[in-house]
C-alpha atoms as a PDB file:
ATOM      1  CA  UNK A   1     -27.874 -29.484 -72.464  1.00  0.00           C
ATOM      2  CA  UNK A   2     -28.969 -31.010 -75.772  1.00  0.00           C
ATOM      3  CA  UNK A   3     -31.908 -33.420 -75.662  1.00  0.00           C
ATOM      4  CA  UNK A   4     -31.393 -36.173 -78.258  1.00  0.00           C
ATOM      5  CA  UNK A   5     -34.741 -37.699 -79.357  1.00  0.00           C
ATOM      6  CA  UNK A   6     -32.967 -40.939 -80.255  1.00  0.00           C
ATOM      7  CA  UNK A   7     -31.425 -41.314 -76.783  1.00  0.00           C
ATOM      8  CA  UNK A   8     -33.762 -41.009 -73.791  1.00  0.00           C
ATOM      9  CA  UNK A   9     -31.862 -40.724 -70.511  1.00  0.00           C
ATOM     10  CA  UNK A  10     -33.941 -43.502 -68.892  1.00  0.00           C
ATOM     11  CA  UNK A  11     -35.604 -46.649 -70.261  1.00  0.00           C
ATOM     12  CA  UNK A  12     -38.491 -48.416 -68.503  1.00  0.00           C
ATOM     13  CA  UNK A  13     -38.645 -52.206 -68.493  1.00  0.00           C
ATOM     14  CA  UNK A  14     -41.343 -54.459 -67.049  1.00  0.00           C
ATOM     15  CA  UNK A  15     -40.187 -57.762 -65.479  1.00  0.00           C
ATOM     16  CA  UNK A  16     -41.922 -60.818 -66.956  1.00  0.00           C
ATOM     17  CA  UNK A  17     -42.791 -64.119 -65.255  1.00  0.00           C
ATOM     18  CA  UNK A  18     -39.934 -65.895 -67.076  1.00  0.00           C
ATOM     19  CA  UNK A  19     -37.351 -63.394 -65.806  1.00  0.00           C
ATOM     20  CA  UNK A  20     -37.023 -61.447 -69.056  1.00  0.00           C
ATOM     21  CA  UNK A  21     -37.631 -57.734 -69.345  1.00  0.00           C
ATOM     22  CA  UNK A  22     -40.127 -56.057 -71.672  1.00  0.00           C
ATOM     23  CA  UNK A  23     -39.402 -52.518 -72.859  1.00  0.00           C
ATOM     24  CA  UNK A  24     -42.299 -50.195 -71.979  1.00  0.00           C
ATOM     25  CA  UNK A  25     -41.036 -46.692 -72.641  1.00  0.00           C
ATOM     26  CA  UNK A  26     -38.481 -44.072 -71.868  1.00  0.00           C
ATOM     27  CA  UNK A  27     -37.944 -40.795 -70.111  1.00  0.00           C
ATOM     28  CA  UNK A  28     -36.107 -37.731 -71.287  1.00  0.00           C
ATOM     29  CA  UNK A  29     -34.631 -35.837 -68.359  1.00  0.00           C
ATOM     30  CA  UNK A  30     -32.857 -32.541 -67.808  1.00  0.00           C
ATOM     31  CA  UNK A  31     -31.728 -31.443 -64.315  1.00  0.00           C
ATOM     32  CA  UNK A  32     -32.750 -27.931 -63.283  1.00  0.00           C
ATOM     33  CA  UNK A  33     -29.084 -26.899 -63.182  1.00  0.00           C
ATOM     34  CA  UNK A  34     -28.826 -27.588 -66.930  1.00  0.00           C
ATOM     35  CA  UNK A  35     -32.350 -26.495 -67.898  1.00  0.00           C
ATOM     36  CA  UNK A  36     -33.657 -23.483 -66.018  1.00  0.00           C
ATOM     37  CA  UNK A  37     -36.885 -23.592 -68.037  1.00  0.00           C
ATOM     38  CA  UNK A  38     -38.645 -26.793 -69.119  1.00  0.00           C
ATOM     39  CA  UNK A  39     -37.461 -28.021 -72.523  1.00  0.00           C
ATOM     40  CA  UNK A  40     -39.816 -29.109 -75.291  1.00  0.00           C
ATOM     41  CA  UNK A  41     -39.524 -32.279 -77.357  1.00  0.00           C
ATOM     42  CA  UNK A  42     -42.030 -33.847 -79.787  1.00  0.00           C
ATOM     43  CA  UNK A  43     -44.112 -30.691 -79.286  1.00  0.00           C
ATOM     44  CA  UNK A  44     -44.486 -31.633 -75.585  1.00  0.00           C
ATOM     45  CA  UNK A  45     -43.192 -29.524 -72.684  1.00  0.00           C
ATOM     46  CA  UNK A  46     -41.283 -31.397 -69.983  1.00  0.00           C
ATOM     47  CA  UNK A  47     -42.864 -31.545 -66.500  1.00  0.00           C
ATOM     48  CA  UNK A  48     -40.979 -30.447 -63.398  1.00  0.00           C
ATOM     49  CA  UNK A  49     -40.466 -33.366 -61.013  1.00  0.00           C
ATOM     50  CA  UNK A  50     -39.674 -32.281 -57.497  1.00  0.00           C
ATOM     51  CA  UNK A  51     -38.303 -35.664 -56.368  1.00  0.00           C
ATOM     52  CA  UNK A  52     -35.532 -35.553 -58.997  1.00  0.00           C
ATOM     53  CA  UNK A  53     -35.241 -31.746 -59.190  1.00  0.00           C
ATOM     54  CA  UNK A  54     -35.458 -31.841 -62.940  1.00  0.00           C
ATOM     55  CA  UNK A  55     -37.689 -31.650 -65.959  1.00  0.00           C
ATOM     56  CA  UNK A  56     -38.904 -34.930 -67.449  1.00  0.00           C
ATOM     57  CA  UNK A  57     -40.895 -36.171 -70.398  1.00  0.00           C
ATOM     58  CA  UNK A  58     -42.215 -39.735 -70.190  1.00  0.00           C
ATOM     59  CA  UNK A  59     -42.948 -41.558 -73.441  1.00  0.00           C
ATOM     60  CA  UNK A  60     -44.841 -44.871 -73.275  1.00  0.00           C
ATOM     61  CA  UNK A  61     -43.825 -45.938 -76.780  1.00  0.00           C
ATOM     62  CA  UNK A  62     -44.190 -49.721 -76.281  1.00  0.00           C
ATOM     63  CA  UNK A  63     -46.947 -49.954 -73.656  1.00  0.00           C
ATOM     64  CA  UNK A  64     -50.315 -48.321 -74.221  1.00  0.00           C
ATOM     65  CA  UNK A  65     -51.195 -45.701 -71.616  1.00  0.00           C
ATOM     66  CA  UNK A  66     -54.877 -44.723 -71.254  1.00  0.00           C
ATOM     67  CA  UNK A  67     -53.687 -41.570 -69.437  1.00  0.00           C
ATOM     68  CA  UNK A  68     -51.810 -40.444 -72.549  1.00  0.00           C
ATOM     69  CA  UNK A  69     -48.534 -41.172 -74.307  1.00  0.00           C
ATOM     70  CA  UNK A  70     -46.536 -38.733 -72.144  1.00  0.00           C
ATOM     71  CA  UNK A  71     -48.363 -39.026 -68.810  1.00  0.00           C
ATOM     72  CA  UNK A  72     -45.979 -40.110 -66.006  1.00  0.00           C
ATOM     73  CA  UNK A  73     -48.455 -42.596 -64.515  1.00  0.00           C
ATOM     74  CA  UNK A  74     -49.446 -45.699 -66.483  1.00  0.00           C
ATOM     75  CA  UNK A  75     -52.038 -48.051 -64.956  1.00  0.00           C
ATOM     76  CA  UNK A  76     -51.151 -50.718 -67.544  1.00  0.00           C
ATOM     77  CA  UNK A  77     -47.792 -51.401 -65.866  1.00  0.00           C
ATOM     78  CA  UNK A  78     -47.932 -54.871 -64.321  1.00  0.00           C
ATOM     79  CA  UNK A  79     -46.213 -54.720 -60.920  1.00  0.00           C
ATOM     80  CA  UNK A  80     -46.607 -58.450 -60.225  1.00  0.00           C
ATOM     81  CA  UNK A  81     -42.918 -59.200 -60.734  1.00  0.00           C
ATOM     82  CA  UNK A  82     -41.448 -55.887 -59.571  1.00  0.00           C
ATOM     83  CA  UNK A  83     -39.475 -56.202 -56.334  1.00  0.00           C
END
């Protein structure tokens, strides 16, 4: 599987009070079947995620993350309008 830096497999949006969505970041993903070992992108090694059985790299490109640009958890995500 080829990981394309310009095309993350998943995009993260944050619902706003007016119903619009704000882009927060993206996730590059490679299932274990396609990537037996964790790939590397942007000099970062993907993390194994048991719940999806794949390797993932989160990138909070549009929402600051005090835990780090590629940390999966971001306390700055506002869950007020998430169902």
